[in-house]
Amino acid sequence: MSELAKGFPAFEARKRRTRRAQTWWGNAWIDALEDSSLDSDALRRGRAYAHGGHVGTITISPGRISATVYGDDHTPHETLVFLDEFNDSDWERLLGRIASKAGHVAALLERDMPDDLADAAYDAGVQLLPGIDDLEPRCSCDDWGHPCTHAAALCYQASWLLDADPFLLLLMRGRGEDDLLDELQRRNSGPPANMRDAAGREGGAIESSDGTPEDSEADSSAPLDPATVDQIISDAAARARELLTQASHRG
């Protein structure tokens, strides 16, 4: 498995069923699926499969998501959904837009994706969210639907994961969270070196080796002062833990 791949345990069956996601970007993902569909019945069955716990462990990696999806007779079907990765030029423009506004970085660390970030990416010629026909499903089943029931189920569950962590969309586009944060740190020259660890769902305030709070070294060229950066990271880590805990207990 690629070092950028991330695996997620199967969702348990849910009693409460809903067609929509909980975030605007999760719903944009669903729109891309449904607007491209040639079979509304496959979508309906896919939603039932997603909520009924038919999807196994989901793996997200650059350019694709994959899972084993089980039919009503428990037959396993190897299911994938492909999404184009960004090229180097795309990443250069996108990261430039994200780094140009400190609020974008703070929002992503809080597992949020503001509307204006996606708008800024679009203005830079980068389509961050998938559109019609951008999601390419493949499945080992005999259903020629686009998507088939199994791929639809996988996509609906993927929207739940995206709700909790929009960094997963960036992973599908080709870069992992650690690499992105390192690159944004380099561009901004403001956040402390261990920003990634602080945002890694376990940290809060930055501490020195003796356990006491440690201020970041000031940088006159940084867009944020160290105290503000420390507060953003502490708040972001707490919010990330909360969102991921909620996601793991859905259903």
C-alpha atoms as a PDB file:
ATOM      1  CA  MET A   1       0.000   0.000   0.000  1.00  0.00           C
ATOM      2  CA  SER A   2       1.238   3.484  -0.846  1.00  0.00           C
ATOM      3  CA  GLU A   3       2.533   5.496   2.085  1.00  0.00           C
ATOM      4  CA  LEU A   4      -0.058   8.124   1.127  1.00  0.00           C
ATOM      5  CA  ALA A   5      -2.950   5.663   1.332  1.00  0.00           C
ATOM      6  CA  LYS A   6      -5.294   5.975   4.300  1.00  0.00           C
ATOM      7  CA  GLY A   7      -7.652   3.212   5.403  1.00  0.00           C
ATOM      8  CA  PHE A   8     -10.941   3.644   7.249  1.00  0.00           C
ATOM      9  CA  PRO A   9     -12.881   0.895   9.038  1.00  0.00           C
ATOM     10  CA  ALA A  10     -16.273  -0.108   7.715  1.00  0.00           C
ATOM     11  CA  PHE A  11     -19.234   1.968   8.837  1.00  0.00           C
ATOM     12  CA  GLU A  12     -21.838   0.120  10.839  1.00  0.00           C
ATOM     13  CA  ALA A  13     -25.401   0.027   9.557  1.00  0.00           C
ATOM     14  CA  ARG A  14     -27.324   3.217  10.256  1.00  0.00           C
ATOM     15  CA  LYS A  15     -30.913   3.447  11.394  1.00  0.00           C
ATOM     16  CA  ARG A  16     -31.358   7.013  10.227  1.00  0.00           C
ATOM     17  CA  ARG A  17     -30.974   7.406   6.493  1.00  0.00           C
ATOM     18  CA  THR A  18     -30.339  10.627   4.650  1.00  0.00           C
ATOM     19  CA  ARG A  19     -29.555  11.409   1.054  1.00  0.00           C
ATOM     20  CA  ARG A  20     -27.366  14.402   1.749  1.00  0.00           C
ATOM     21  CA  ALA A  21     -24.017  14.940   3.452  1.00  0.00           C
ATOM     22  CA  GLN A  22     -23.440  17.268   6.403  1.00  0.00           C
ATOM     23  CA  THR A  23     -21.128  19.765   4.694  1.00  0.00           C
ATOM     24  CA  TRP A  24     -21.339  21.757   1.484  1.00  0.00           C
ATOM     25  CA  TRP A  25     -18.254  20.035   0.066  1.00  0.00           C
ATOM     26  CA  GLY A  26     -19.639  16.602   0.972  1.00  0.00           C
ATOM     27  CA  ASN A  27     -22.810  17.519  -0.890  1.00  0.00           C
ATOM     28  CA  ALA A  28     -20.763  18.773  -3.853  1.00  0.00           C
ATOM     29  CA  TRP A  29     -19.219  15.301  -3.992  1.00  0.00           C
ATOM     30  CA  ILE A  30     -22.681  13.700  -3.982  1.00  0.00           C
ATOM     31  CA  ASP A  31     -23.852  16.124  -6.680  1.00  0.00           C
ATOM     32  CA  ALA A  32     -20.940  15.054  -8.877  1.00  0.00           C
ATOM     33  CA  LEU A  33     -22.028  11.437  -8.428  1.00  0.00           C
ATOM     34  CA  GLU A  34     -25.753  11.965  -8.954  1.00  0.00           C
ATOM     35  CA  ASP A  35     -25.475  14.461 -11.811  1.00  0.00           C
ATOM     36  CA  SER A  36     -23.382  11.923 -13.739  1.00  0.00           C
ATOM     37  CA  SER A  37     -25.641   8.965 -13.016  1.00  0.00           C
ATOM     38  CA  LEU A  38     -27.513   7.178 -15.769  1.00  0.00           C
ATOM     39  CA  ASP A  39     -29.589   5.068 -13.380  1.00  0.00           C
ATOM     40  CA  SER A  40     -31.584   6.564 -10.511  1.00  0.00           C
ATOM     41  CA  ASP A  41     -32.430   3.069  -9.241  1.00  0.00           C
ATOM     42  CA  ALA A  42     -28.736   2.293  -8.836  1.00  0.00           C
ATOM     43  CA  LEU A  43     -28.361   5.457  -6.775  1.00  0.00           C
ATOM     44  CA  ARG A  44     -31.301   4.499  -4.585  1.00  0.00           C
ATOM     45  CA  ARG A  45     -29.916   1.009  -4.030  1.00  0.00           C
ATOM     46  CA  GLY A  46     -26.449   2.475  -3.462  1.00  0.00           C
ATOM     47  CA  ARG A  47     -27.769   4.712  -0.682  1.00  0.00           C
ATOM     48  CA  ALA A  48     -29.458   1.686   0.886  1.00  0.00           C
ATOM     49  CA  TYR A  49     -26.204  -0.289   0.680  1.00  0.00           C
ATOM     50  CA  ALA A  50     -24.224   2.599   2.183  1.00  0.00           C
ATOM     51  CA  HIS A  51     -26.578   2.945   5.141  1.00  0.00           C
ATOM     52  CA  GLY A  52     -27.001  -0.804   5.473  1.00  0.00           C
ATOM     53  CA  GLY A  53     -23.327  -1.480   6.145  1.00  0.00           C
ATOM     54  CA  HIS A  54     -22.545  -3.229   2.841  1.00  0.00           C
ATOM     55  CA  VAL A  55     -19.248  -1.376   2.316  1.00  0.00           C
ATOM     56  CA  GLY A  56     -16.051  -2.781   3.793  1.00  0.00           C
ATOM     57  CA  THR A  57     -12.853  -0.954   4.699  1.00  0.00           C
ATOM     58  CA  ILE A  58     -12.388   2.129   2.523  1.00  0.00           C
ATOM     59  CA  THR A  59      -8.928   3.040   1.259  1.00  0.00           C
ATOM     60  CA  ILE A  60      -8.267   6.556  -0.010  1.00  0.00           C
ATOM     61  CA  SER A  61      -5.101   7.238  -1.992  1.00  0.00           C
ATOM     62  CA  PRO A  62      -3.999   9.633  -4.734  1.00  0.00           C
ATOM     63  CA  GLY A  63      -6.391   9.393  -7.640  1.00  0.00           C
ATOM     64  CA  ARG A  64      -8.734   6.783  -6.202  1.00  0.00           C
ATOM     65  CA  ILE A  65     -10.904   5.358  -3.454  1.00  0.00           C
ATOM     66  CA  SER A  66     -11.521   1.639  -3.123  1.00  0.00           C
ATOM     67  CA  ALA A  67     -13.448  -0.868  -1.039  1.00  0.00           C
ATOM     68  CA  THR A  68     -15.034  -4.282  -1.139  1.00  0.00           C
ATOM     69  CA  VAL A  69     -18.798  -3.820  -1.376  1.00  0.00           C
ATOM     70  CA  TYR A  70     -21.065  -6.759  -0.559  1.00  0.00           C
ATOM     71  CA  GLY A  71     -24.273  -7.582  -2.391  1.00  0.00           C
ATOM     72  CA  ASP A  72     -27.522  -8.693  -0.796  1.00  0.00           C
ATOM     73  CA  ASP A  73     -26.286 -12.274  -1.086  1.00  0.00           C
ATOM     74  CA  HIS A  74     -22.970 -11.264   0.565  1.00  0.00           C
ATOM     75  CA  THR A  75     -21.066 -11.649  -2.707  1.00  0.00           C
ATOM     76  CA  PRO A  76     -17.970  -9.385  -2.532  1.00  0.00           C
ATOM     77  CA  HIS A  77     -17.353  -6.892  -5.328  1.00  0.00           C
ATOM     78  CA  GLU A  78     -14.068  -5.023  -5.684  1.00  0.00           C
ATOM     79  CA  THR A  79     -15.095  -1.438  -6.278  1.00  0.00           C
ATOM     80  CA  LEU A  80     -13.056   1.637  -7.175  1.00  0.00           C
ATOM     81  CA  VAL A  81     -13.790   5.257  -7.985  1.00  0.00           C
ATOM     82  CA  PHE A  82     -11.112   7.298  -9.755  1.00  0.00           C
ATOM     83  CA  LEU A  83     -10.578  11.068  -9.604  1.00  0.00           C
ATOM     84  CA  ASP A  84      -7.908  12.914 -11.595  1.00  0.00           C
ATOM     85  CA  GLU A  85      -4.827  13.992  -9.659  1.00  0.00           C
ATOM     86  CA  PHE A  86      -3.546  17.551  -9.984  1.00  0.00           C
ATOM     87  CA  ASN A  87      -0.343  18.170 -11.899  1.00  0.00           C
ATOM     88  CA  ASP A  88       2.528  20.275 -10.547  1.00  0.00           C
ATOM     89  CA  SER A  89       1.183  23.443 -12.133  1.00  0.00           C
ATOM     90  CA  ASP A  90      -2.232  22.878 -10.532  1.00  0.00           C
ATOM     91  CA  TRP A  91      -0.658  22.406  -7.123  1.00  0.00           C
ATOM     92  CA  GLU A  92       1.490  25.501  -7.509  1.00  0.00           C
ATOM     93  CA  ARG A  93      -1.548  27.661  -8.203  1.00  0.00           C
ATOM     94  CA  LEU A  94      -3.724  26.035  -5.539  1.00  0.00           C
ATOM     95  CA  LEU A  95      -1.132  26.214  -2.762  1.00  0.00           C
ATOM     96  CA  GLY A  96      -0.380  29.800  -3.679  1.00  0.00           C
ATOM     97  CA  ARG A  97      -4.037  30.693  -3.150  1.00  0.00           C
ATOM     98  CA  ILE A  98      -4.307  28.769   0.129  1.00  0.00           C
ATOM     99  CA  ALA A  99      -1.089  30.242   1.521  1.00  0.00           C
ATOM    100  CA  SER A 100      -2.102  33.780   0.560  1.00  0.00           C
ATOM    101  CA  LYS A 101      -4.816  33.854   3.205  1.00  0.00           C
ATOM    102  CA  ALA A 102      -4.132  32.682   6.749  1.00  0.00           C
ATOM    103  CA  GLY A 103      -7.814  31.940   7.259  1.00  0.00           C
ATOM    104  CA  HIS A 104      -7.676  29.218   4.619  1.00  0.00           C
ATOM    105  CA  VAL A 105      -4.938  27.360   6.493  1.00  0.00           C
ATOM    106  CA  ALA A 106      -6.733  27.783   9.813  1.00  0.00           C
ATOM    107  CA  ALA A 107     -10.001  26.492   8.333  1.00  0.00           C
ATOM    108  CA  LEU A 108      -8.362  23.382   6.874  1.00  0.00           C
ATOM    109  CA  LEU A 109      -6.713  22.642  10.213  1.00  0.00           C
ATOM    110  CA  GLU A 110     -10.195  22.794  11.752  1.00  0.00           C
ATOM    111  CA  ARG A 111     -11.400  20.302   9.114  1.00  0.00           C
ATOM    112  CA  ASP A 112     -13.397  22.981   7.368  1.00  0.00           C
ATOM    113  CA  MET A 113     -13.343  24.134   3.758  1.00  0.00           C
ATOM    114  CA  PRO A 114     -14.600  27.692   3.319  1.00  0.00           C
ATOM    115  CA  ASP A 115     -16.515  28.554   0.166  1.00  0.00           C
ATOM    116  CA  ASP A 116     -14.008  31.220  -0.752  1.00  0.00           C
ATOM    117  CA  LEU A 117     -11.157  28.685  -0.762  1.00  0.00           C
ATOM    118  CA  ALA A 118     -12.879  26.645  -3.464  1.00  0.00           C
ATOM    119  CA  ASP A 119     -13.747  29.875  -5.297  1.00  0.00           C
ATOM    120  CA  ALA A 120     -10.129  31.037  -5.097  1.00  0.00           C
ATOM    121  CA  ALA A 121      -8.961  27.686  -6.462  1.00  0.00           C
ATOM    122  CA  TYR A 122     -11.448  27.921  -9.324  1.00  0.00           C
ATOM    123  CA  ASP A 123     -10.295  31.474 -10.108  1.00  0.00           C
ATOM    124  CA  ALA A 124      -6.753  30.082 -10.311  1.00  0.00           C
ATOM    125  CA  GLY A 125      -7.894  27.505 -12.853  1.00  0.00           C
ATOM    126  CA  VAL A 126      -8.020  24.574 -10.415  1.00  0.00           C
ATOM    127  CA  GLN A 127     -11.255  22.658  -9.921  1.00  0.00           C
ATOM    128  CA  LEU A 128     -10.852  21.390  -6.391  1.00  0.00           C
ATOM    129  CA  LEU A 129     -14.226  19.650  -6.137  1.00  0.00           C
ATOM    130  CA  PRO A 130     -15.315  17.076  -8.700  1.00  0.00           C
ATOM    131  CA  GLY A 131     -17.899  17.986 -11.299  1.00  0.00           C
ATOM    132  CA  ILE A 132     -20.052  16.027 -13.731  1.00  0.00           C
ATOM    133  CA  ASP A 133     -18.223  12.946 -15.082  1.00  0.00           C
ATOM    134  CA  ASP A 134     -15.144  13.604 -12.901  1.00  0.00           C
ATOM    135  CA  LEU A 135     -15.804  10.516 -10.754  1.00  0.00           C
ATOM    136  CA  GLU A 136     -14.970   7.385 -12.744  1.00  0.00           C
ATOM    137  CA  PRO A 137     -16.372   4.181 -11.175  1.00  0.00           C
ATOM    138  CA  ARG A 138     -15.178   0.644 -11.805  1.00  0.00           C
ATOM    139  CA  CYS A 139     -16.471  -2.552 -10.250  1.00  0.00           C
ATOM    140  CA  SER A 140     -16.030  -6.294 -10.573  1.00  0.00           C
ATOM    141  CA  CYS A 141     -19.803  -6.830 -10.753  1.00  0.00           C
ATOM    142  CA  ASP A 142     -21.761  -7.480 -13.943  1.00  0.00           C
ATOM    143  CA  ASP A 143     -23.795  -4.276 -13.686  1.00  0.00           C
ATOM    144  CA  TRP A 144     -22.945  -1.871 -16.516  1.00  0.00           C
ATOM    145  CA  GLY A 145     -24.592   1.064 -14.762  1.00  0.00           C
ATOM    146  CA  HIS A 146     -22.686   4.306 -14.386  1.00  0.00           C
ATOM    147  CA  PRO A 147     -22.288   4.066 -11.476  1.00  0.00           C
ATOM    148  CA  CYS A 148     -23.365   0.599 -10.431  1.00  0.00           C
ATOM    149  CA  THR A 149     -25.011   0.059  -7.050  1.00  0.00           C
ATOM    150  CA  HIS A 150     -21.685  -0.847  -5.413  1.00  0.00           C
ATOM    151  CA  ALA A 151     -19.797   2.206  -6.691  1.00  0.00           C
ATOM    152  CA  ALA A 152     -22.694   4.446  -5.649  1.00  0.00           C
ATOM    153  CA  ALA A 153     -22.582   2.969  -2.141  1.00  0.00           C
ATOM    154  CA  LEU A 154     -18.835   3.627  -1.958  1.00  0.00           C
ATOM    155  CA  CYS A 155     -19.297   7.227  -3.099  1.00  0.00           C
ATOM    156  CA  TYR A 156     -22.027   7.930  -0.557  1.00  0.00           C
ATOM    157  CA  GLN A 157     -19.827   6.648   2.258  1.00  0.00           C
ATOM    158  CA  ALA A 158     -16.874   8.638   0.900  1.00  0.00           C
ATOM    159  CA  SER A 159     -18.973  11.788   1.368  1.00  0.00           C
ATOM    160  CA  TRP A 160     -19.249  10.959   5.072  1.00  0.00           C
ATOM    161  CA  LEU A 161     -15.470  10.737   5.349  1.00  0.00           C
ATOM    162  CA  LEU A 162     -15.084  14.030   3.478  1.00  0.00           C
ATOM    163  CA  ASP A 163     -17.533  15.642   5.900  1.00  0.00           C
ATOM    164  CA  ALA A 164     -15.118  14.908   8.737  1.00  0.00           C
ATOM    165  CA  ASP A 165     -11.884  15.726   6.902  1.00  0.00           C
ATOM    166  CA  PRO A 166     -11.624  17.768   3.670  1.00  0.00           C
ATOM    167  CA  PHE A 167      -7.897  16.963   3.571  1.00  0.00           C
ATOM    168  CA  LEU A 168      -9.028  13.611   2.135  1.00  0.00           C
ATOM    169  CA  LEU A 169     -10.168  15.384  -1.016  1.00  0.00           C
ATOM    170  CA  LEU A 170      -6.689  16.867  -1.350  1.00  0.00           C
ATOM    171  CA  LEU A 171      -5.250  13.380  -0.821  1.00  0.00           C
ATOM    172  CA  MET A 172      -7.376  12.092  -3.701  1.00  0.00           C
ATOM    173  CA  ARG A 173      -6.011  14.975  -5.766  1.00  0.00           C
ATOM    174  CA  GLY A 174      -2.492  13.721  -5.106  1.00  0.00           C
ATOM    175  CA  ARG A 175      -0.968  15.081  -1.889  1.00  0.00           C
ATOM    176  CA  GLY A 176      -1.188  14.017   1.738  1.00  0.00           C
ATOM    177  CA  GLU A 177      -1.856  16.260   4.701  1.00  0.00           C
ATOM    178  CA  ASP A 178       1.708  16.184   6.047  1.00  0.00           C
ATOM    179  CA  ASP A 179       3.238  17.231   2.743  1.00  0.00           C
ATOM    180  CA  LEU A 180       0.683  19.987   2.290  1.00  0.00           C
ATOM    181  CA  LEU A 181       1.227  21.434   5.751  1.00  0.00           C
ATOM    182  CA  ASP A 182       4.984  21.333   5.283  1.00  0.00           C
ATOM    183  CA  GLU A 183       4.670  23.179   1.979  1.00  0.00           C
ATOM    184  CA  LEU A 184       2.273  25.772   3.412  1.00  0.00           C
ATOM    185  CA  GLN A 185       4.634  26.289   6.331  1.00  0.00           C
ATOM    186  CA  ARG A 186       7.499  26.884   3.916  1.00  0.00           C
ATOM    187  CA  ARG A 187       5.481  29.383   1.911  1.00  0.00           C
ATOM    188  CA  ASN A 188       4.190  31.301   4.902  1.00  0.00           C
ATOM    189  CA  SER A 189       7.379  31.107   6.985  1.00  0.00           C
ATOM    190  CA  GLY A 190       5.240  31.800   9.995  1.00  0.00           C
ATOM    191  CA  PRO A 191       3.810  28.649  11.621  1.00  0.00           C
ATOM    192  CA  PRO A 192       6.103  26.716  13.968  1.00  0.00           C
ATOM    193  CA  ALA A 193       8.019  23.717  12.672  1.00  0.00           C
ATOM    194  CA  ASN A 194       5.833  21.242  14.530  1.00  0.00           C
ATOM    195  CA  MET A 195       2.556  22.643  13.196  1.00  0.00           C
ATOM    196  CA  ARG A 196       1.769  19.291  11.595  1.00  0.00           C
ATOM    197  CA  ASP A 197       2.099  17.427  14.903  1.00  0.00           C
ATOM    198  CA  ALA A 198      -0.044  19.977  16.698  1.00  0.00           C
ATOM    199  CA  ALA A 199      -2.771  19.487  14.114  1.00  0.00           C
ATOM    200  CA  GLY A 200      -2.474  15.707  14.272  1.00  0.00           C
ATOM    201  CA  ARG A 201      -5.504  15.131  16.525  1.00  0.00           C
ATOM    202  CA  GLU A 202      -3.423  14.665  19.653  1.00  0.00           C
ATOM    203  CA  GLY A 203      -1.716  17.989  20.283  1.00  0.00           C
ATOM    204  CA  GLY A 204      -2.855  21.307  21.633  1.00  0.00           C
ATOM    205  CA  ALA A 205      -0.525  24.083  22.659  1.00  0.00           C
ATOM    206  CA  ILE A 206       3.095  23.724  21.541  1.00  0.00           C
ATOM    207  CA  GLU A 207       5.356  22.577  24.356  1.00  0.00           C
ATOM    208  CA  SER A 208       9.077  22.377  24.917  1.00  0.00           C
ATOM    209  CA  SER A 209      10.849  19.205  26.025  1.00  0.00           C
ATOM    210  CA  ASP A 210      10.209  20.049  29.705  1.00  0.00           C
ATOM    211  CA  GLY A 211       6.468  20.354  29.133  1.00  0.00           C
ATOM    212  CA  THR A 212       6.235  24.124  29.380  1.00  0.00           C
ATOM    213  CA  PRO A 213       4.632  26.234  26.644  1.00  0.00           C
ATOM    214  CA  GLU A 214       7.123  27.336  24.045  1.00  0.00           C
ATOM    215  CA  ASP A 215       6.617  30.422  21.906  1.00  0.00           C
ATOM    216  CA  SER A 216       7.434  30.265  18.222  1.00  0.00           C
ATOM    217  CA  GLU A 217      10.288  32.367  16.992  1.00  0.00           C
ATOM    218  CA  ALA A 218       8.940  35.605  15.543  1.00  0.00           C
ATOM    219  CA  ASP A 219       9.307  36.230  11.855  1.00  0.00           C
ATOM    220  CA  SER A 220       8.747  39.756  10.628  1.00  0.00           C
ATOM    221  CA  SER A 221       7.734  38.442   7.214  1.00  0.00           C
ATOM    222  CA  ALA A 222       5.115  36.012   8.591  1.00  0.00           C
ATOM    223  CA  PRO A 223       1.437  36.776   7.955  1.00  0.00           C
ATOM    224  CA  LEU A 224       0.557  35.849  11.561  1.00  0.00           C
ATOM    225  CA  ASP A 225       2.307  36.533  14.839  1.00  0.00           C
ATOM    226  CA  PRO A 226       3.356  33.443  16.867  1.00  0.00           C
ATOM    227  CA  ALA A 227       0.693  33.897  19.556  1.00  0.00           C
ATOM    228  CA  THR A 228      -2.049  33.896  16.962  1.00  0.00           C
ATOM    229  CA  VAL A 229      -0.598  30.823  15.250  1.00  0.00           C
ATOM    230  CA  ASP A 230      -0.422  28.956  18.582  1.00  0.00           C
ATOM    231  CA  GLN A 231      -4.077  29.726  19.264  1.00  0.00           C
ATOM    232  CA  ILE A 232      -5.170  28.639  15.772  1.00  0.00           C
ATOM    233  CA  ILE A 233      -3.361  25.330  16.104  1.00  0.00           C
ATOM    234  CA  SER A 234      -4.689  24.613  19.591  1.00  0.00           C
ATOM    235  CA  ASP A 235      -8.260  25.350  18.561  1.00  0.00           C
ATOM    236  CA  ALA A 236      -7.844  23.394  15.312  1.00  0.00           C
ATOM    237  CA  ALA A 237      -6.575  20.277  17.049  1.00  0.00           C
ATOM    238  CA  ALA A 238      -9.496  20.292  19.460  1.00  0.00           C
ATOM    239  CA  ARG A 239     -11.989  20.800  16.659  1.00  0.00           C
ATOM    240  CA  ALA A 240     -10.409  18.044  14.543  1.00  0.00           C
ATOM    241  CA  ARG A 241     -10.679  15.570  17.424  1.00  0.00           C
ATOM    242  CA  GLU A 242     -14.325  16.491  17.903  1.00  0.00           C
ATOM    243  CA  LEU A 243     -15.211  16.031  14.203  1.00  0.00           C
ATOM    244  CA  LEU A 244     -13.385  12.734  13.845  1.00  0.00           C
ATOM    245  CA  THR A 245     -15.000  11.406  17.046  1.00  0.00           C
ATOM    246  CA  GLN A 246     -18.437  12.348  15.699  1.00  0.00           C
ATOM    247  CA  ALA A 247     -17.676  10.606  12.398  1.00  0.00           C
ATOM    248  CA  SER A 248     -16.578   7.398  14.108  1.00  0.00           C
ATOM    249  CA  HIS A 249     -19.802   7.228  16.145  1.00  0.00           C
ATOM    250  CA  ARG A 250     -22.292   7.903  13.360  1.00  0.00           C
ATOM    251  CA  GLY A 251     -25.128   5.505  12.943  1.00  0.00           C
END
